[in-house]
């Protein structure tokens, strides 16, 4: 018969696996040396950016990662590990953790996963410099709107010019010049 502790660990592993598989991106970090006040500040920043942040047990996280067939992450699960993930914005965890790591050098990003692929620190740093999903959507909408606006302006100018010519002809006819 399975012990209660083993069942509880299996539930935690399954929860981690489900969260990681549904996340847009997952970032792992070493939080050694971070004060309680700084940890509280980081957790607040995560909440404000719709990022889930938690300290994880390495053995359970490693099992979850292996069941997800995410390769290249075995070295990440050594020492204290925290996990940040977002279900909506793939950029948010990288942005929040990178800005915190720049502020508190003792906090170290270990690695991460985007679309089931392991990310290097360089890739995480690049991801952190990207605009948020909302900003990208706004920029795309503006870029798509610009040609349509230009076309409408040109067509409107042509119609306005045509109306002015007709008005000039009408004015000349009224004066008897034509």
N, C-alpha and C. Protein backbone atom coordinates (compact mmCIF):
# COMPACT_ATOMS: atom_id res chain seq x y z
N UNK A 1 0.85 -1.18 0.00
CA UNK A 1 0.00 0.00 0.00
C UNK A 1 0.89 1.24 0.00
N UNK A 2 0.49 2.21 -0.82
CA UNK A 2 1.28 3.43 -0.98
C UNK A 2 1.08 4.35 0.22
N UNK A 3 2.15 4.96 0.66
CA UNK A 3 2.05 5.84 1.82
C UNK A 3 1.40 7.17 1.43
N UNK A 4 0.88 7.85 2.41
CA UNK A 4 0.22 9.14 2.19
C UNK A 4 1.23 10.16 1.66
N UNK A 5 2.43 10.13 2.17
CA UNK A 5 3.48 11.06 1.73
C UNK A 5 3.80 10.84 0.24
N UNK A 6 3.88 9.59 -0.18
CA UNK A 6 4.17 9.29 -1.58
C UNK A 6 3.04 9.77 -2.49
N UNK A 7 1.80 9.58 -2.07
CA UNK A 7 0.65 10.06 -2.85
C UNK A 7 0.66 11.58 -2.95
N UNK A 8 1.01 12.24 -1.84
CA UNK A 8 1.08 13.70 -1.83
C UNK A 8 2.16 14.20 -2.79
N UNK A 9 3.32 13.54 -2.78
CA UNK A 9 4.39 13.93 -3.70
C UNK A 9 3.98 13.69 -5.15
N UNK A 10 3.26 12.62 -5.40
CA UNK A 10 2.78 12.34 -6.76
C UNK A 10 1.81 13.42 -7.22
N UNK A 11 0.93 13.87 -6.31
CA UNK A 11 -0.01 14.95 -6.65
C UNK A 11 0.74 16.25 -6.96
N UNK A 12 1.76 16.56 -6.15
CA UNK A 12 2.55 17.78 -6.37
C UNK A 12 3.26 17.70 -7.72
N UNK A 13 3.84 16.53 -8.02
CA UNK A 13 4.53 16.35 -9.30
C UNK A 13 3.56 16.51 -10.46
N UNK A 14 2.36 15.94 -10.33
CA UNK A 14 1.35 16.06 -11.38
C UNK A 14 0.90 17.51 -11.55
N UNK A 15 0.78 18.24 -10.44
CA UNK A 15 0.42 19.65 -10.51
C UNK A 15 1.52 20.45 -11.23
N UNK A 16 2.78 20.19 -10.86
CA UNK A 16 3.90 20.86 -11.53
C UNK A 16 3.89 20.55 -13.02
N UNK A 17 3.69 19.29 -13.37
CA UNK A 17 3.68 18.87 -14.77
C UNK A 17 2.57 19.57 -15.53
N UNK A 18 1.38 19.64 -14.93
CA UNK A 18 0.25 20.31 -15.59
C UNK A 18 0.52 21.80 -15.78
N UNK A 19 1.03 22.45 -14.73
CA UNK A 19 1.33 23.88 -14.83
C UNK A 19 2.38 24.14 -15.92
N UNK A 20 3.45 23.35 -15.92
CA UNK A 20 4.52 23.55 -16.89
C UNK A 20 4.04 23.29 -18.32
N UNK A 21 3.23 22.26 -18.51
CA UNK A 21 2.77 21.94 -19.86
C UNK A 21 1.80 22.99 -20.40
N UNK A 22 1.05 23.65 -19.53
CA UNK A 22 0.08 24.67 -19.97
C UNK A 22 0.69 26.07 -20.06
N UNK A 23 1.89 26.24 -19.53
CA UNK A 23 2.51 27.57 -19.49
C UNK A 23 3.05 27.97 -20.86
N UNK A 24 3.02 29.27 -21.14
CA UNK A 24 3.62 29.80 -22.36
C UNK A 24 5.14 29.74 -22.26
N UNK A 25 5.67 30.02 -21.07
CA UNK A 25 7.11 29.90 -20.82
C UNK A 25 7.32 29.63 -19.34
N UNK A 26 8.46 28.98 -19.05
CA UNK A 26 8.83 28.65 -17.67
C UNK A 26 10.29 29.06 -17.49
N UNK A 27 10.57 29.79 -16.41
CA UNK A 27 11.94 30.22 -16.10
C UNK A 27 12.29 29.67 -14.71
N UNK A 28 13.49 29.09 -14.61
CA UNK A 28 13.97 28.55 -13.34
C UNK A 28 15.09 29.43 -12.81
N UNK A 29 15.14 29.60 -11.48
CA UNK A 29 16.15 30.48 -10.88
C UNK A 29 16.62 29.94 -9.54
N UNK A 30 17.83 30.38 -9.18
CA UNK A 30 18.41 30.08 -7.87
C UNK A 30 18.20 31.32 -7.00
N UNK A 31 17.50 31.16 -5.90
CA UNK A 31 17.13 32.31 -5.06
C UNK A 31 17.99 32.42 -3.81
N UNK A 32 19.10 31.66 -3.73
CA UNK A 32 19.96 31.71 -2.53
C UNK A 32 20.44 33.13 -2.28
N UNK A 33 20.38 33.56 -1.03
CA UNK A 33 20.87 34.88 -0.65
C UNK A 33 19.85 35.99 -0.78
N UNK A 34 18.67 35.69 -1.29
CA UNK A 34 17.62 36.71 -1.43
C UNK A 34 16.92 36.87 -0.08
N UNK A 35 16.84 38.11 0.39
CA UNK A 35 16.21 38.35 1.69
C UNK A 35 14.69 38.16 1.59
N UNK A 36 14.06 38.01 2.72
CA UNK A 36 12.61 37.82 2.77
C UNK A 36 11.91 39.05 2.17
N UNK A 37 12.40 40.23 2.48
CA UNK A 37 11.80 41.45 1.94
C UNK A 37 11.92 41.49 0.42
N UNK A 38 13.09 41.12 -0.10
CA UNK A 38 13.27 41.10 -1.55
C UNK A 38 12.42 40.01 -2.21
N UNK A 39 12.31 38.86 -1.54
CA UNK A 39 11.47 37.79 -2.06
C UNK A 39 10.01 38.24 -2.12
N UNK A 40 9.56 38.94 -1.10
CA UNK A 40 8.20 39.47 -1.08
C UNK A 40 7.99 40.45 -2.22
N UNK A 41 8.99 41.30 -2.46
CA UNK A 41 8.93 42.27 -3.57
C UNK A 41 8.84 41.53 -4.91
N UNK A 42 9.65 40.48 -5.09
CA UNK A 42 9.63 39.70 -6.33
C UNK A 42 8.27 39.04 -6.53
N UNK A 43 7.74 38.47 -5.48
CA UNK A 43 6.43 37.81 -5.59
C UNK A 43 5.34 38.82 -5.96
N UNK A 44 5.42 40.03 -5.42
CA UNK A 44 4.45 41.08 -5.77
C UNK A 44 4.57 41.45 -7.25
N UNK A 45 5.82 41.60 -7.72
CA UNK A 45 6.05 41.91 -9.14
C UNK A 45 5.50 40.80 -10.03
N UNK A 46 5.69 39.57 -9.60
CA UNK A 46 5.15 38.44 -10.37
C UNK A 46 3.63 38.50 -10.43
N UNK A 47 3.00 38.70 -9.29
CA UNK A 47 1.53 38.80 -9.26
C UNK A 47 1.04 39.92 -10.16
N UNK A 48 1.70 41.08 -10.10
CA UNK A 48 1.30 42.24 -10.90
C UNK A 48 1.41 41.97 -12.39
N UNK A 49 2.28 41.03 -12.78
CA UNK A 49 2.49 40.73 -14.20
C UNK A 49 1.87 39.38 -14.60
N UNK A 50 0.97 38.86 -13.77
CA UNK A 50 0.27 37.60 -14.06
C UNK A 50 1.24 36.44 -14.24
N UNK A 51 2.27 36.42 -13.37
CA UNK A 51 3.28 35.36 -13.39
C UNK A 51 3.16 34.57 -12.10
N UNK A 52 3.14 33.24 -12.21
CA UNK A 52 3.13 32.37 -11.05
C UNK A 52 4.57 32.10 -10.65
N UNK A 53 4.89 32.33 -9.37
CA UNK A 53 6.25 32.13 -8.87
C UNK A 53 6.18 31.25 -7.64
N UNK A 54 6.98 30.19 -7.65
CA UNK A 54 7.02 29.34 -6.46
C UNK A 54 8.35 28.61 -6.36
N UNK A 55 8.67 28.27 -5.13
CA UNK A 55 9.85 27.45 -4.87
C UNK A 55 9.42 26.00 -5.10
N UNK A 56 10.28 25.25 -5.79
CA UNK A 56 9.92 23.87 -6.14
C UNK A 56 10.93 22.88 -5.60
N UNK A 57 10.47 21.68 -5.40
CA UNK A 57 11.35 20.59 -4.97
C UNK A 57 11.98 20.00 -6.23
N UNK A 58 13.32 19.98 -6.25
CA UNK A 58 14.05 19.57 -7.45
C UNK A 58 13.67 18.18 -7.95
N UNK A 59 13.58 17.22 -7.06
CA UNK A 59 13.31 15.85 -7.51
C UNK A 59 11.94 15.74 -8.18
N UNK A 60 10.93 16.43 -7.62
CA UNK A 60 9.59 16.38 -8.21
C UNK A 60 9.54 17.15 -9.53
N UNK A 61 10.21 18.28 -9.56
CA UNK A 61 10.24 19.07 -10.80
C UNK A 61 10.99 18.31 -11.89
N UNK A 62 12.07 17.65 -11.54
CA UNK A 62 12.83 16.88 -12.52
C UNK A 62 11.99 15.75 -13.10
N UNK A 63 11.24 15.08 -12.26
CA UNK A 63 10.35 14.01 -12.75
C UNK A 63 9.29 14.58 -13.69
N UNK A 64 8.71 15.73 -13.32
CA UNK A 64 7.70 16.36 -14.18
C UNK A 64 8.29 16.74 -15.53
N UNK A 65 9.49 17.30 -15.52
CA UNK A 65 10.17 17.71 -16.75
C UNK A 65 10.48 16.49 -17.61
N UNK A 66 10.92 15.42 -17.00
CA UNK A 66 11.22 14.20 -17.75
C UNK A 66 9.95 13.61 -18.37
N UNK A 67 8.84 13.66 -17.66
CA UNK A 67 7.57 13.15 -18.20
C UNK A 67 7.08 14.02 -19.36
N UNK A 68 7.46 15.30 -19.35
CA UNK A 68 7.09 16.21 -20.45
C UNK A 68 8.06 16.08 -21.64
N UNK A 69 9.11 15.26 -21.46
CA UNK A 69 10.14 15.08 -22.49
C UNK A 69 10.86 16.38 -22.85
N UNK A 70 11.09 17.21 -21.83
CA UNK A 70 11.88 18.43 -22.02
C UNK A 70 13.33 18.08 -21.75
N UNK A 71 14.14 18.10 -22.79
CA UNK A 71 15.55 17.72 -22.67
C UNK A 71 16.43 18.91 -22.32
N UNK A 72 17.59 18.60 -21.76
CA UNK A 72 18.61 19.62 -21.50
C UNK A 72 18.40 20.42 -20.24
N UNK A 73 17.57 19.94 -19.32
CA UNK A 73 17.28 20.70 -18.11
C UNK A 73 17.80 20.04 -16.84
N UNK A 74 18.45 18.89 -16.94
CA UNK A 74 18.87 18.15 -15.75
C UNK A 74 19.78 18.96 -14.83
N UNK A 75 20.67 19.79 -15.41
CA UNK A 75 21.60 20.58 -14.59
C UNK A 75 20.91 21.71 -13.83
N UNK A 76 19.75 22.08 -14.26
CA UNK A 76 19.03 23.19 -13.61
C UNK A 76 18.59 22.80 -12.20
N UNK A 77 18.26 21.55 -12.00
CA UNK A 77 17.68 21.12 -10.74
C UNK A 77 18.74 20.69 -9.73
N UNK A 78 19.68 21.58 -9.49
CA UNK A 78 20.71 21.39 -8.47
C UNK A 78 20.70 22.66 -7.62
N UNK A 79 20.64 22.52 -6.33
CA UNK A 79 20.55 23.68 -5.45
C UNK A 79 19.12 24.18 -5.38
N UNK A 80 18.88 25.19 -4.57
CA UNK A 80 17.53 25.73 -4.42
C UNK A 80 17.00 26.25 -5.76
N UNK A 81 15.78 25.88 -6.09
CA UNK A 81 15.21 26.25 -7.38
C UNK A 81 13.83 26.86 -7.19
N UNK A 82 13.62 27.97 -7.88
CA UNK A 82 12.30 28.59 -7.96
C UNK A 82 11.86 28.55 -9.41
N UNK A 83 10.56 28.58 -9.62
CA UNK A 83 10.01 28.51 -10.96
C UNK A 83 9.04 29.67 -11.15
N UNK A 84 9.18 30.34 -12.31
CA UNK A 84 8.23 31.40 -12.67
C UNK A 84 7.63 31.03 -14.01
N UNK A 85 6.32 31.12 -14.12
CA UNK A 85 5.67 30.78 -15.38
C UNK A 85 4.46 31.66 -15.60
N UNK A 86 4.08 31.75 -16.86
CA UNK A 86 2.90 32.52 -17.22
C UNK A 86 2.04 31.71 -18.16
N UNK A 87 0.75 31.73 -17.93
CA UNK A 87 -0.19 31.02 -18.80
C UNK A 87 -0.61 31.88 -19.98
N UNK A 88 -0.30 33.19 -19.93
CA UNK A 88 -0.80 34.09 -20.96
C UNK A 88 0.29 34.78 -21.78
N UNK A 89 1.39 35.15 -21.16
CA UNK A 89 2.42 35.95 -21.83
C UNK A 89 3.78 35.26 -21.73
N UNK A 90 4.34 34.80 -22.85
CA UNK A 90 5.62 34.09 -22.78
C UNK A 90 6.79 34.97 -22.36
N UNK A 91 6.64 36.28 -22.48
CA UNK A 91 7.72 37.21 -22.17
C UNK A 91 7.74 37.60 -20.70
N UNK A 92 6.59 37.59 -20.05
CA UNK A 92 6.46 38.12 -18.68
C UNK A 92 7.40 37.48 -17.66
N UNK A 93 7.51 36.15 -17.55
CA UNK A 93 8.41 35.60 -16.54
C UNK A 93 9.87 36.02 -16.76
N UNK A 94 10.30 36.03 -18.01
CA UNK A 94 11.68 36.43 -18.32
C UNK A 94 11.91 37.89 -17.94
N UNK A 95 10.95 38.75 -18.26
CA UNK A 95 11.08 40.18 -17.94
C UNK A 95 11.19 40.41 -16.44
N UNK A 96 10.27 39.80 -15.69
CA UNK A 96 10.22 40.02 -14.25
C UNK A 96 11.49 39.49 -13.58
N UNK A 97 11.87 38.25 -13.90
CA UNK A 97 13.03 37.66 -13.23
C UNK A 97 14.33 38.35 -13.67
N UNK A 98 14.43 38.74 -14.93
CA UNK A 98 15.66 39.41 -15.39
C UNK A 98 15.81 40.77 -14.71
N UNK A 99 14.73 41.54 -14.63
CA UNK A 99 14.84 42.85 -13.98
C UNK A 99 15.19 42.68 -12.50
N UNK A 100 14.64 41.65 -11.86
CA UNK A 100 14.97 41.40 -10.46
C UNK A 100 16.43 40.96 -10.32
N UNK A 101 16.90 40.11 -11.23
CA UNK A 101 18.30 39.64 -11.18
C UNK A 101 19.27 40.79 -11.42
N UNK A 102 18.90 41.76 -12.26
CA UNK A 102 19.77 42.92 -12.47
C UNK A 102 19.82 43.78 -11.22
N UNK A 103 18.71 43.84 -10.51
CA UNK A 103 18.60 44.61 -9.28
C UNK A 103 19.31 43.91 -8.12
N UNK A 104 19.19 42.59 -8.07
CA UNK A 104 19.76 41.77 -6.98
C UNK A 104 20.65 40.70 -7.60
N UNK A 105 21.94 40.98 -7.80
CA UNK A 105 22.83 40.04 -8.48
C UNK A 105 22.95 38.67 -7.82
N UNK A 106 22.57 38.55 -6.55
CA UNK A 106 22.63 37.26 -5.87
C UNK A 106 21.58 36.30 -6.45
N UNK A 107 20.53 36.84 -7.04
CA UNK A 107 19.47 36.05 -7.67
C UNK A 107 19.95 35.64 -9.06
N UNK A 108 19.94 34.33 -9.33
CA UNK A 108 20.54 33.84 -10.57
C UNK A 108 19.53 33.03 -11.39
N UNK A 109 19.34 33.44 -12.63
CA UNK A 109 18.47 32.68 -13.53
C UNK A 109 19.25 31.46 -14.03
N UNK A 110 18.65 30.29 -13.90
CA UNK A 110 19.33 29.05 -14.27
C UNK A 110 19.04 28.64 -15.72
N UNK A 111 17.83 28.86 -16.16
CA UNK A 111 17.43 28.44 -17.50
C UNK A 111 15.93 28.50 -17.62
N UNK A 112 15.43 27.97 -18.71
CA UNK A 112 13.99 28.01 -18.90
C UNK A 112 13.54 27.19 -20.09
N UNK A 113 12.24 27.27 -20.35
CA UNK A 113 11.62 26.52 -21.44
C UNK A 113 10.61 27.42 -22.13
N UNK A 114 10.66 27.40 -23.45
CA UNK A 114 9.69 28.12 -24.28
C UNK A 114 9.24 27.16 -25.36
N UNK A 115 7.95 26.92 -25.44
CA UNK A 115 7.39 25.98 -26.43
C UNK A 115 8.05 24.60 -26.36
N UNK A 116 8.32 24.13 -25.16
CA UNK A 116 8.88 22.80 -24.99
C UNK A 116 10.36 22.68 -25.27
N UNK A 117 11.02 23.79 -25.60
CA UNK A 117 12.45 23.79 -25.91
C UNK A 117 13.22 24.52 -24.81
N UNK A 118 14.33 23.93 -24.39
CA UNK A 118 15.16 24.56 -23.36
C UNK A 118 15.73 25.86 -23.89
N UNK A 119 15.81 26.86 -23.02
CA UNK A 119 16.37 28.16 -23.39
C UNK A 119 17.67 28.40 -22.65
N UNK A 120 18.63 28.97 -23.36
CA UNK A 120 19.88 29.39 -22.74
C UNK A 120 19.64 30.73 -22.05
N UNK A 121 20.61 31.15 -21.24
CA UNK A 121 20.50 32.46 -20.58
C UNK A 121 20.45 33.58 -21.61
N UNK A 122 21.21 33.45 -22.70
CA UNK A 122 21.17 34.48 -23.75
C UNK A 122 19.78 34.60 -24.34
N UNK A 123 19.15 33.48 -24.58
CA UNK A 123 17.81 33.51 -25.16
C UNK A 123 16.80 34.09 -24.17
N UNK A 124 16.97 33.77 -22.89
CA UNK A 124 16.08 34.32 -21.87
C UNK A 124 16.25 35.84 -21.79
N UNK A 125 17.50 36.30 -21.82
CA UNK A 125 17.76 37.74 -21.80
C UNK A 125 17.18 38.42 -23.03
N UNK A 126 17.28 37.79 -24.19
CA UNK A 126 16.67 38.35 -25.40
C UNK A 126 15.16 38.40 -25.26
N UNK A 127 14.58 37.32 -24.76
CA UNK A 127 13.13 37.27 -24.55
C UNK A 127 12.68 38.38 -23.61
N UNK A 128 13.50 38.66 -22.59
CA UNK A 128 13.16 39.70 -21.61
C UNK A 128 13.17 41.10 -22.23
N UNK A 129 13.89 41.28 -23.34
CA UNK A 129 13.94 42.60 -23.97
C UNK A 129 12.79 42.82 -24.94
N UNK A 130 12.06 41.77 -25.28
CA UNK A 130 10.93 41.91 -26.20
C UNK A 130 9.78 42.66 -25.54
N UNK A 131 9.00 43.38 -26.33
CA UNK A 131 7.81 44.03 -25.76
C UNK A 131 6.79 42.97 -25.35
N UNK A 132 5.88 43.36 -24.48
CA UNK A 132 4.84 42.44 -24.03
C UNK A 132 3.90 42.09 -25.19
N UNK A 133 3.09 41.08 -24.99
CA UNK A 133 2.16 40.64 -26.02
C UNK A 133 1.21 41.77 -26.41
N UNK A 134 0.69 42.49 -25.42
CA UNK A 134 -0.21 43.60 -25.70
C UNK A 134 0.43 44.69 -26.54
N UNK A 135 1.68 45.01 -26.20
CA UNK A 135 2.41 46.03 -26.96
C UNK A 135 2.64 45.55 -28.39
N UNK A 136 3.01 44.29 -28.56
CA UNK A 136 3.23 43.75 -29.91
C UNK A 136 1.93 43.77 -30.73
N UNK A 137 0.82 43.43 -30.10
CA UNK A 137 -0.46 43.46 -30.81
C UNK A 137 -0.82 44.89 -31.23
N UNK A 138 -0.57 45.84 -30.34
CA UNK A 138 -0.83 47.25 -30.66
C UNK A 138 0.04 47.70 -31.82
N UNK A 139 1.33 47.37 -31.77
CA UNK A 139 2.24 47.76 -32.84
C UNK A 139 1.82 47.12 -34.17
N UNK A 140 1.37 45.88 -34.13
CA UNK A 140 0.92 45.20 -35.35
C UNK A 140 -0.33 45.88 -35.91
N UNK A 141 -1.26 46.21 -35.03
CA UNK A 141 -2.48 46.88 -35.48
C UNK A 141 -2.17 48.23 -36.11
N UNK A 142 -1.27 48.98 -35.49
CA UNK A 142 -0.88 50.29 -36.03
C UNK A 142 -0.21 50.11 -37.40
N UNK A 143 0.68 49.12 -37.49
CA UNK A 143 1.37 48.87 -38.76
C UNK A 143 0.40 48.45 -39.86
N UNK A 144 -0.61 47.67 -39.49
CA UNK A 144 -1.60 47.24 -40.48
C UNK A 144 -2.54 48.39 -40.86
N UNK A 145 -2.77 49.29 -39.95
CA UNK A 145 -3.68 50.40 -40.19
C UNK A 145 -3.04 51.47 -41.07
N UNK A 146 -1.73 51.64 -41.00
CA UNK A 146 -1.04 52.72 -41.72
C UNK A 146 -1.29 52.68 -43.23
N UNK A 147 -1.13 51.55 -43.93
CA UNK A 147 -1.37 51.56 -45.37
C UNK A 147 -2.82 51.87 -45.72
N UNK A 148 -3.74 51.37 -44.92
CA UNK A 148 -5.16 51.64 -45.17
C UNK A 148 -5.46 53.13 -44.99
N UNK A 149 -4.89 53.72 -43.94
CA UNK A 149 -5.07 55.15 -43.71
C UNK A 149 -4.47 55.96 -44.85
N UNK A 150 -3.30 55.57 -45.31
CA UNK A 150 -2.66 56.27 -46.44
C UNK A 150 -3.52 56.17 -47.69
N UNK A 151 -4.04 54.98 -47.96
CA UNK A 151 -4.90 54.78 -49.13
C UNK A 151 -6.15 55.65 -49.03
N UNK A 152 -6.75 55.68 -47.85
CA UNK A 152 -7.95 56.51 -47.66
C UNK A 152 -7.63 57.98 -47.86
N UNK A 153 -6.47 58.43 -47.38
CA UNK A 153 -6.05 59.82 -47.55
C UNK A 153 -5.87 60.15 -49.03
N UNK A 154 -5.22 59.29 -49.79
CA UNK A 154 -4.98 59.51 -51.22
C UNK A 154 -6.31 59.53 -51.97
N UNK A 155 -7.18 58.55 -51.68
CA UNK A 155 -8.48 58.51 -52.36
C UNK A 155 -9.31 59.74 -52.02
N UNK A 156 -9.26 60.14 -50.77
CA UNK A 156 -9.99 61.33 -50.34
C UNK A 156 -9.45 62.57 -51.05
N UNK A 157 -8.14 62.69 -51.16
CA UNK A 157 -7.54 63.85 -51.83
C UNK A 157 -7.96 63.88 -53.30
N UNK A 158 -8.01 62.72 -53.94
CA UNK A 158 -8.45 62.67 -55.34
C UNK A 158 -9.90 63.13 -55.46
N UNK A 159 -10.76 62.67 -54.58
CA UNK A 159 -12.17 63.09 -54.61
C UNK A 159 -12.32 64.57 -54.31
N UNK A 160 -11.57 65.06 -53.34
CA UNK A 160 -11.63 66.49 -52.98
C UNK A 160 -11.17 67.32 -54.18
N UNK A 161 -10.10 66.91 -54.85
CA UNK A 161 -9.62 67.61 -56.04
C UNK A 161 -10.66 67.62 -57.14
N UNK A 162 -11.32 66.48 -57.35
CA UNK A 162 -12.35 66.38 -58.38
C UNK A 162 -13.53 67.30 -58.06
N UNK A 163 -13.94 67.32 -56.81
CA UNK A 163 -15.04 68.19 -56.38
C UNK A 163 -14.66 69.66 -56.57
N UNK A 164 -13.42 70.01 -56.27
CA UNK A 164 -12.97 71.40 -56.46
C UNK A 164 -13.00 71.79 -57.94
N UNK A 165 -12.60 70.89 -58.81
CA UNK A 165 -12.64 71.17 -60.26
C UNK A 165 -14.08 71.38 -60.70
N UNK A 166 -14.99 70.50 -60.26
CA UNK A 166 -16.41 70.65 -60.61
C UNK A 166 -16.97 71.97 -60.08
N UNK A 167 -16.57 72.32 -58.86
CA UNK A 167 -17.03 73.58 -58.28
C UNK A 167 -16.50 74.77 -59.09
N UNK A 168 -15.25 74.67 -59.53
CA UNK A 168 -14.68 75.74 -60.36
C UNK A 168 -15.42 75.87 -61.68
N UNK A 169 -15.78 74.74 -62.30
CA UNK A 169 -16.54 74.76 -63.56
C UNK A 169 -17.91 75.38 -63.31
N UNK A 170 -18.56 75.01 -62.22
CA UNK A 170 -19.87 75.56 -61.89
C UNK A 170 -19.78 77.07 -61.70
N UNK A 171 -18.74 77.54 -60.97
CA UNK A 171 -18.55 78.97 -60.73
C UNK A 171 -18.34 79.71 -62.04
N UNK A 172 -17.54 79.16 -62.94
CA UNK A 172 -17.29 79.80 -64.24
C UNK A 172 -18.55 79.84 -65.07
N UNK A 173 -19.38 78.80 -65.03
CA UNK A 173 -20.63 78.79 -65.79
C UNK A 173 -21.58 79.86 -65.25
N UNK A 174 -21.60 80.01 -63.93
CA UNK A 174 -22.46 81.03 -63.33
C UNK A 174 -22.03 82.43 -63.76
N UNK A 175 -20.73 82.65 -63.90
CA UNK A 175 -20.21 83.96 -64.30
C UNK A 175 -20.28 84.15 -65.81
N UNK A 176 -20.60 83.09 -66.52
CA UNK A 176 -20.70 83.16 -67.97
C UNK A 176 -19.37 83.06 -68.67
N UNK A 177 -18.37 82.62 -68.00
CA UNK A 177 -17.06 82.48 -68.61
C UNK A 177 -16.96 81.23 -69.47
N UNK A 178 -17.85 80.30 -69.31
CA UNK A 178 -17.81 79.08 -70.14
C UNK A 178 -19.07 79.03 -70.98
